[in-house]
Structures are given as C-alpha cells and as structure tokens.
C-alpha cells in the first residue's frame, strides 16, 4: 500500500506563494490520476486539482489560473504550486489517488493571513 505524505505548507500573506509536495512511499507511475484536496475548518474536503499520467490537468474554478499541479513519476512526488494566495485558500491540503482512494496522509496546513 502506497503511503502519502504531504509537506510544504505554512503561514503566508495574501498574494504570496507556496509549493506543496506529496511524497509517495512507492511508485506512482501506475497511478493514472493523482489529486490534491483541501479541507477548511467546518467544511467538507474538496477537490482542488488533479493530474493524469499524460499530463492532463483539471482545477476547481476557485483556483484556476493561480494553482498548478504537476507530477514527477521518477521521484514519486506530486506538487502543487500555489500563487496569488487568498485567505479563502486556508485549509489542510491532502493528496491522494483520484480514482482509488488510498489511506489519507497527515496533510499540510496552509494559512493565508496578514
């Protein structure tokens, strides 16, 4: 079972940037689509972005044009570059297999505040 560990979160001012990483304990090359999700306090977990093995991507409307998802199968890592961050982006961010939900990692906290 592939284990996923997220990192790269932190406190950032509005308009700032962060780059999140999701490191897998095993190969992700056979995983067709990987995704980033987020969960804000008192809200349900929501899909932020996904990427397939061909490099095709999809984004939530709320992050289009600001976030970029990428994957490096050789490093078994998925990334989320977040630019122009807003307070509404504050949440715990998680990654997972998009089609076959695996055990959730601990997530990484992103706080956007002045």
Protein backbone atom coordinates (compact mmCIF):
# COMPACT_ATOMS: atom_id res chain seq x y z
CA UNK A 1 0.00 0.00 0.00
CA UNK A 2 1.45 3.32 -1.07
CA UNK A 3 1.71 5.82 1.77
CA UNK A 4 1.38 9.53 1.00
CA UNK A 5 2.97 12.34 2.98
CA UNK A 6 2.29 15.98 2.27
CA UNK A 7 4.66 18.86 3.08
CA UNK A 8 5.38 22.47 2.22
CA UNK A 9 2.55 24.23 3.98
CA UNK A 10 2.91 27.26 6.22
CA UNK A 11 1.78 30.76 7.01
CA UNK A 12 1.80 33.18 4.09
CA UNK A 13 0.43 36.64 3.45
CA UNK A 14 -2.33 37.22 0.89
CA UNK A 15 -0.81 37.35 -2.57
CA UNK A 16 2.04 35.06 -1.57
CA UNK A 17 3.07 31.67 -2.91
CA UNK A 18 3.71 28.19 -1.60
CA UNK A 19 4.75 24.93 -3.20
CA UNK A 20 3.31 21.77 -1.71
CA UNK A 21 4.83 18.33 -2.18
CA UNK A 22 3.26 14.90 -1.86
CA UNK A 23 5.81 12.15 -1.47
CA UNK A 24 4.73 8.55 -2.04
CA UNK A 25 6.41 5.59 -0.36
CA UNK A 26 6.19 3.61 -3.57
CA UNK A 27 5.86 4.08 -7.28
CA UNK A 28 3.11 6.37 -8.55
CA UNK A 29 3.81 5.68 -12.21
CA UNK A 30 0.99 3.12 -12.30
CA UNK A 31 -1.46 5.51 -10.66
CA UNK A 32 -3.42 7.05 -13.50
CA UNK A 33 -4.53 10.22 -11.76
CA UNK A 34 -3.26 11.94 -8.65
CA UNK A 35 -5.11 14.78 -6.97
CA UNK A 36 -4.83 17.47 -4.35
CA UNK A 37 -7.70 18.09 -1.96
CA UNK A 38 -8.24 20.58 0.85
CA UNK A 39 -10.40 20.81 3.92
CA UNK A 40 -11.12 24.10 5.63
CA UNK A 41 -12.41 24.24 9.21
CA UNK A 42 -16.07 23.28 9.36
CA UNK A 43 -16.19 22.37 5.68
CA UNK A 44 -16.08 19.17 3.68
CA UNK A 45 -12.95 18.06 1.89
CA UNK A 46 -12.96 19.36 -1.68
CA UNK A 47 -11.04 18.58 -4.84
CA UNK A 48 -8.52 21.27 -5.76
CA UNK A 49 -6.70 19.81 -8.77
CA UNK A 50 -5.90 16.53 -10.47
CA UNK A 51 -3.36 15.32 -12.99
CA UNK A 52 -3.22 12.16 -15.07
CA UNK A 53 -0.25 10.26 -16.39
CA UNK A 54 -0.47 12.02 -19.73
CA UNK A 55 -0.13 15.39 -18.00
CA UNK A 56 -3.76 16.32 -18.39
CA UNK A 57 -4.98 18.57 -15.58
CA UNK A 58 -8.23 19.80 -14.08
CA UNK A 59 -8.76 22.52 -11.49
CA UNK A 60 -11.50 23.74 -9.22
CA UNK A 61 -12.89 27.02 -10.50
CA UNK A 62 -11.74 28.75 -7.33
CA UNK A 63 -8.06 28.05 -8.06
CA UNK A 64 -7.88 28.20 -11.87
CA UNK A 65 -5.11 30.46 -13.06
CA UNK A 66 -3.48 30.53 -9.62
CA UNK A 67 -2.56 26.91 -8.84
CA UNK A 68 -0.56 24.45 -10.92
CA UNK A 69 -0.41 20.72 -10.29
CA UNK A 70 2.47 18.62 -11.57
CA UNK A 71 3.92 15.18 -11.02
CA UNK A 72 7.36 13.61 -11.21
CA UNK A 73 6.91 9.86 -11.51
CA UNK A 74 10.68 9.31 -11.25
CA UNK A 75 10.64 10.93 -7.82
CA UNK A 76 7.23 9.51 -6.83
CA UNK A 77 6.13 13.03 -5.99
CA UNK A 78 3.20 15.27 -6.86
CA UNK A 79 3.41 19.03 -6.49
CA UNK A 80 1.00 21.90 -6.11
CA UNK A 81 2.34 25.36 -6.90
CA UNK A 82 0.05 27.93 -5.34
CA UNK A 83 0.32 31.58 -6.33
CA UNK A 84 -1.74 34.67 -5.52
CA UNK A 85 -2.96 33.02 -2.36
CA UNK A 86 -6.14 34.26 -0.71
CA UNK A 87 -7.46 33.88 2.84
CA UNK A 88 -10.11 31.50 1.43
CA UNK A 89 -7.29 29.12 0.48
CA UNK A 90 -6.63 28.48 4.17
CA UNK A 91 -7.08 24.75 4.75
CA UNK A 92 -5.32 21.47 5.33
CA UNK A 93 -4.15 20.15 1.97
CA UNK A 94 -4.02 16.44 1.13
CA UNK A 95 -3.07 14.37 -1.87
CA UNK A 96 -4.50 11.05 -2.98
CA UNK A 97 -5.12 8.75 -5.89
CA UNK A 98 -8.08 10.30 -7.69
CA UNK A 99 -9.83 7.08 -8.71
CA UNK A 100 -8.81 4.67 -5.93
CA UNK A 101 -8.91 6.39 -2.57
CA UNK A 102 -5.92 5.29 -0.51
CA UNK A 103 -5.15 5.98 3.12
CA UNK A 104 -5.07 9.71 3.71
CA UNK A 105 -1.79 11.25 4.79
CA UNK A 106 -1.48 13.76 7.62
CA UNK A 107 -1.98 16.71 5.28
CA UNK A 108 -0.15 20.01 5.40
CA UNK A 109 -1.62 23.19 6.87
CA UNK A 110 -1.79 26.27 4.67
CA UNK A 111 -2.75 29.51 6.38
CA UNK A 112 -3.17 32.70 4.37
CA UNK A 113 -3.36 35.70 6.63
CA UNK A 114 -1.92 39.15 7.08
